[in-house]
Amino acid sequence: MSILSEIFYGFFGRFFPRDAEAEVERRAEGKERLDWPDSIVDLLKALGRDSSFEARRQLAGEMGRTNYSGTAEENIWLHSRVMEKVRRREW
């Protein structure tokens, strides 16, 4: 199973909600102030997943990014790719 699949099956289970972004927002409430719509680290935290550099490096590799070093540009790219998958319900 892919890392992305593990993230989403672990968070949503077998049934993906109609509005996944609203579900992420709902589950992020009450946690530390998370900027999940713009931050890959906060998005992973909202999903209850590891947001460490190593976890992001592995996820980036799965998404086709080689030599991930954790720069702001790479994190923006990774966040955009993950959110695209969420919107399209692909994992």
N, C-alpha and C. Protein backbone atom coordinates (compact mmCIF):
# COMPACT_ATOMS: atom_id res chain seq x y z
N MET A 1 0.85 -1.18 0.00
CA MET A 1 0.00 0.00 0.00
C MET A 1 0.89 1.23 0.00
N SER A 2 0.53 2.21 -0.78
CA SER A 2 1.31 3.44 -0.86
C SER A 2 1.18 4.26 0.42
N ILE A 3 2.13 5.16 0.61
CA ILE A 3 2.09 6.05 1.78
C ILE A 3 0.82 6.89 1.74
N LEU A 4 0.49 7.41 0.56
CA LEU A 4 -0.71 8.22 0.43
C LEU A 4 -1.95 7.42 0.78
N SER A 5 -2.01 6.18 0.32
CA SER A 5 -3.14 5.31 0.66
C SER A 5 -3.22 5.07 2.16
N GLU A 6 -2.08 4.82 2.78
CA GLU A 6 -2.06 4.61 4.23
C GLU A 6 -2.57 5.84 4.96
N ILE A 7 -2.17 7.01 4.49
CA ILE A 7 -2.62 8.26 5.12
C ILE A 7 -4.13 8.37 5.05
N PHE A 8 -4.70 8.20 3.87
CA PHE A 8 -6.12 8.44 3.70
C PHE A 8 -6.99 7.31 4.21
N TYR A 9 -6.57 6.07 4.04
CA TYR A 9 -7.35 4.97 4.61
C TYR A 9 -7.31 5.03 6.13
N GLY A 10 -6.15 5.43 6.67
CA GLY A 10 -6.04 5.57 8.11
C GLY A 10 -6.91 6.69 8.66
N PHE A 11 -7.11 7.72 7.86
CA PHE A 11 -7.89 8.87 8.31
C PHE A 11 -9.38 8.71 8.03
N PHE A 12 -9.71 8.30 6.82
CA PHE A 12 -11.11 8.24 6.41
C PHE A 12 -11.71 6.84 6.47
N GLY A 13 -10.88 5.82 6.51
CA GLY A 13 -11.40 4.46 6.43
C GLY A 13 -11.74 4.12 4.99
N ARG A 14 -12.62 3.18 4.80
CA ARG A 14 -12.97 2.74 3.45
C ARG A 14 -13.87 3.71 2.71
N PHE A 15 -14.58 4.55 3.45
CA PHE A 15 -15.55 5.44 2.82
C PHE A 15 -15.05 6.87 2.86
N PHE A 16 -14.77 7.40 1.71
CA PHE A 16 -14.25 8.75 1.59
C PHE A 16 -15.41 9.73 1.61
N PRO A 17 -15.36 10.75 2.46
CA PRO A 17 -16.48 11.70 2.53
C PRO A 17 -16.63 12.49 1.24
N ARG A 18 -17.83 12.94 1.00
CA ARG A 18 -18.12 13.73 -0.19
C ARG A 18 -17.25 14.98 -0.24
N ASP A 19 -17.12 15.66 0.88
CA ASP A 19 -16.30 16.88 0.95
C ASP A 19 -15.13 16.60 1.89
N ALA A 20 -14.07 16.07 1.32
CA ALA A 20 -12.91 15.67 2.13
C ALA A 20 -12.26 16.85 2.82
N GLU A 21 -12.20 17.99 2.14
CA GLU A 21 -11.58 19.16 2.75
C GLU A 21 -12.36 19.62 3.98
N ALA A 22 -13.68 19.57 3.93
CA ALA A 22 -14.49 19.93 5.10
C ALA A 22 -14.25 18.94 6.23
N GLU A 23 -14.06 17.68 5.89
CA GLU A 23 -13.78 16.66 6.91
C GLU A 23 -12.42 16.90 7.56
N VAL A 24 -11.43 17.26 6.77
CA VAL A 24 -10.11 17.59 7.34
C VAL A 24 -10.25 18.78 8.28
N GLU A 25 -10.98 19.79 7.85
CA GLU A 25 -11.21 20.98 8.68
C GLU A 25 -11.90 20.60 9.99
N ARG A 26 -12.92 19.77 9.89
CA ARG A 26 -13.65 19.35 11.09
C ARG A 26 -12.74 18.63 12.06
N ARG A 27 -11.92 17.75 11.55
CA ARG A 27 -11.03 16.98 12.42
C ARG A 27 -9.86 17.79 12.94
N ALA A 28 -9.51 18.86 12.24
CA ALA A 28 -8.41 19.72 12.69
C ALA A 28 -8.84 20.64 13.83
N GLU A 29 -10.16 20.86 13.95
CA GLU A 29 -10.66 21.72 15.02
C GLU A 29 -10.28 21.13 16.38
N GLY A 30 -9.92 22.02 17.27
CA GLY A 30 -9.59 21.58 18.61
C GLY A 30 -8.13 21.16 18.76
N LYS A 31 -7.43 20.99 17.66
CA LYS A 31 -6.00 20.70 17.73
C LYS A 31 -5.28 22.04 17.74
N GLU A 32 -3.97 21.98 17.86
CA GLU A 32 -3.22 23.23 17.78
C GLU A 32 -3.62 23.97 16.51
N ARG A 33 -3.38 25.24 16.49
CA ARG A 33 -3.76 26.04 15.31
C ARG A 33 -2.99 25.53 14.09
N LEU A 34 -3.72 24.91 13.18
CA LEU A 34 -3.10 24.30 12.01
C LEU A 34 -3.48 25.05 10.74
N ASP A 35 -2.50 25.33 9.93
CA ASP A 35 -2.72 25.98 8.64
C ASP A 35 -2.68 24.92 7.54
N TRP A 36 -3.53 23.89 7.71
CA TRP A 36 -3.49 22.75 6.79
C TRP A 36 -3.82 23.10 5.34
N PRO A 37 -4.61 24.17 5.06
CA PRO A 37 -4.87 24.48 3.65
C PRO A 37 -3.62 24.95 2.89
N ASP A 38 -2.59 25.37 3.62
CA ASP A 38 -1.38 25.91 2.98
C ASP A 38 -0.09 25.20 3.37
N SER A 39 -0.11 24.36 4.37
CA SER A 39 1.11 23.75 4.89
C SER A 39 1.03 22.24 4.85
N ILE A 40 2.02 21.59 4.21
CA ILE A 40 2.03 20.13 4.18
C ILE A 40 2.26 19.57 5.58
N VAL A 41 3.07 20.22 6.38
CA VAL A 41 3.30 19.75 7.75
C VAL A 41 2.00 19.78 8.54
N ASP A 42 1.27 20.89 8.46
CA ASP A 42 0.00 21.01 9.18
C ASP A 42 -1.06 20.09 8.61
N LEU A 43 -1.06 19.88 7.29
CA LEU A 43 -2.02 18.95 6.69
C LEU A 43 -1.78 17.54 7.23
N LEU A 44 -0.53 17.12 7.28
CA LEU A 44 -0.23 15.78 7.81
C LEU A 44 -0.61 15.69 9.28
N LYS A 45 -0.37 16.73 10.04
CA LYS A 45 -0.77 16.74 11.46
C LYS A 45 -2.29 16.64 11.59
N ALA A 46 -3.02 17.39 10.76
CA ALA A 46 -4.48 17.35 10.81
C ALA A 46 -4.99 15.94 10.49
N LEU A 47 -4.26 15.23 9.63
CA LEU A 47 -4.63 13.87 9.27
C LEU A 47 -4.12 12.84 10.28
N GLY A 48 -3.44 13.34 11.32
CA GLY A 48 -2.94 12.44 12.36
C GLY A 48 -1.74 11.62 11.91
N ARG A 49 -0.97 12.15 10.97
CA ARG A 49 0.15 11.42 10.42
C ARG A 49 1.48 12.08 10.79
N ASP A 50 2.54 11.33 10.60
CA ASP A 50 3.90 11.81 10.83
C ASP A 50 4.21 12.92 9.84
N SER A 51 4.66 14.07 10.34
CA SER A 51 4.98 15.19 9.47
C SER A 51 6.47 15.47 9.44
N SER A 52 7.27 14.52 9.91
CA SER A 52 8.72 14.70 9.95
C SER A 52 9.31 14.81 8.55
N PHE A 53 10.54 15.28 8.50
CA PHE A 53 11.23 15.38 7.21
C PHE A 53 11.25 14.04 6.50
N GLU A 54 11.59 12.99 7.21
CA GLU A 54 11.67 11.65 6.60
C GLU A 54 10.33 11.21 6.02
N ALA A 55 9.25 11.46 6.74
CA ALA A 55 7.91 11.10 6.24
C ALA A 55 7.58 11.90 4.99
N ARG A 56 7.91 13.18 5.00
CA ARG A 56 7.66 14.01 3.82
C ARG A 56 8.55 13.61 2.65
N ARG A 57 9.78 13.23 2.95
CA ARG A 57 10.70 12.78 1.90
C ARG A 57 10.15 11.53 1.22
N GLN A 58 9.66 10.59 2.02
CA GLN A 58 9.09 9.37 1.46
C GLN A 58 7.84 9.67 0.63
N LEU A 59 6.99 10.53 1.14
CA LEU A 59 5.77 10.89 0.42
C LEU A 59 6.12 11.60 -0.89
N ALA A 60 7.09 12.51 -0.85
CA ALA A 60 7.51 13.21 -2.06
C ALA A 60 8.05 12.22 -3.09
N GLY A 61 8.81 11.23 -2.64
CA GLY A 61 9.32 10.21 -3.55
C GLY A 61 8.20 9.45 -4.21
N GLU A 62 7.19 9.12 -3.44
CA GLU A 62 6.03 8.41 -3.98
C GLU A 62 5.29 9.27 -5.01
N MET A 63 5.34 10.56 -4.83
CA MET A 63 4.64 11.48 -5.74
C MET A 63 5.52 11.86 -6.93
N GLY A 64 6.72 11.30 -7.02
CA GLY A 64 7.57 11.52 -8.18
C GLY A 64 8.68 12.53 -8.01
N ARG A 65 8.85 13.01 -6.79
CA ARG A 65 9.91 14.01 -6.54
C ARG A 65 11.15 13.31 -6.00
N THR A 66 12.24 13.37 -6.75
CA THR A 66 13.48 12.77 -6.28
C THR A 66 14.32 13.83 -5.60
N ASN A 67 15.20 13.42 -4.74
CA ASN A 67 16.12 14.33 -4.04
C ASN A 67 15.40 15.41 -3.23
N TYR A 68 14.31 15.05 -2.58
CA TYR A 68 13.57 15.98 -1.72
C TYR A 68 14.48 16.44 -0.59
N SER A 69 14.57 17.76 -0.40
CA SER A 69 15.42 18.29 0.67
C SER A 69 14.64 19.13 1.68
N GLY A 70 13.33 19.27 1.47
CA GLY A 70 12.50 19.97 2.45
C GLY A 70 12.44 21.47 2.29
N THR A 71 12.79 21.98 1.12
CA THR A 71 12.72 23.44 0.92
C THR A 71 11.26 23.89 0.91
N ALA A 72 11.08 25.18 1.06
CA ALA A 72 9.72 25.74 1.03
C ALA A 72 9.05 25.42 -0.30
N GLU A 73 9.79 25.55 -1.39
CA GLU A 73 9.22 25.27 -2.71
C GLU A 73 8.79 23.81 -2.83
N GLU A 74 9.61 22.91 -2.31
CA GLU A 74 9.26 21.48 -2.36
C GLU A 74 8.05 21.18 -1.49
N ASN A 75 7.97 21.81 -0.33
CA ASN A 75 6.81 21.59 0.54
C ASN A 75 5.53 22.13 -0.08
N ILE A 76 5.63 23.27 -0.77
CA ILE A 76 4.46 23.81 -1.47
C ILE A 76 4.04 22.85 -2.57
N TRP A 77 5.01 22.34 -3.32
CA TRP A 77 4.72 21.37 -4.38
C TRP A 77 4.06 20.12 -3.80
N LEU A 78 4.60 19.61 -2.69
CA LEU A 78 4.07 18.39 -2.07
C LEU A 78 2.65 18.62 -1.57
N HIS A 79 2.42 19.74 -0.92
CA HIS A 79 1.08 20.06 -0.43
C HIS A 79 0.09 20.13 -1.59
N SER A 80 0.50 20.79 -2.65
CA SER A 80 -0.36 20.92 -3.82
C SER A 80 -0.71 19.56 -4.41
N ARG A 81 0.26 18.68 -4.50
CA ARG A 81 0.03 17.34 -5.05
C ARG A 81 -0.91 16.52 -4.17
N VAL A 82 -0.70 16.58 -2.86
CA VAL A 82 -1.55 15.82 -1.94
C VAL A 82 -2.98 16.36 -2.00
N MET A 83 -3.15 17.68 -1.99
CA MET A 83 -4.49 18.25 -2.05
C MET A 83 -5.17 17.93 -3.37
N GLU A 84 -4.40 17.89 -4.45
CA GLU A 84 -4.97 17.50 -5.74
C GLU A 84 -5.51 16.07 -5.66
N LYS A 85 -4.77 15.19 -5.01
CA LYS A 85 -5.22 13.80 -4.84
C LYS A 85 -6.47 13.74 -3.98
N VAL A 86 -6.52 14.58 -2.94
CA VAL A 86 -7.70 14.63 -2.08
C VAL A 86 -8.92 15.05 -2.89
N ARG A 87 -8.77 16.11 -3.65
CA ARG A 87 -9.89 16.63 -4.44
C ARG A 87 -10.38 15.62 -5.49
N ARG A 88 -9.44 14.89 -6.04
CA ARG A 88 -9.80 13.90 -7.07
C ARG A 88 -10.12 12.51 -6.51
N ARG A 89 -9.92 12.38 -5.18
CA ARG A 89 -10.14 11.10 -4.49
C ARG A 89 -9.29 10.00 -5.10
N GLU A 90 -8.03 10.31 -5.30
CA GLU A 90 -7.08 9.37 -5.88
C GLU A 90 -6.01 9.02 -4.85
N TRP A 91 -5.91 7.75 -4.56
CA TRP A 91 -4.78 7.27 -3.76
C TRP A 91 -4.64 5.80 -3.84
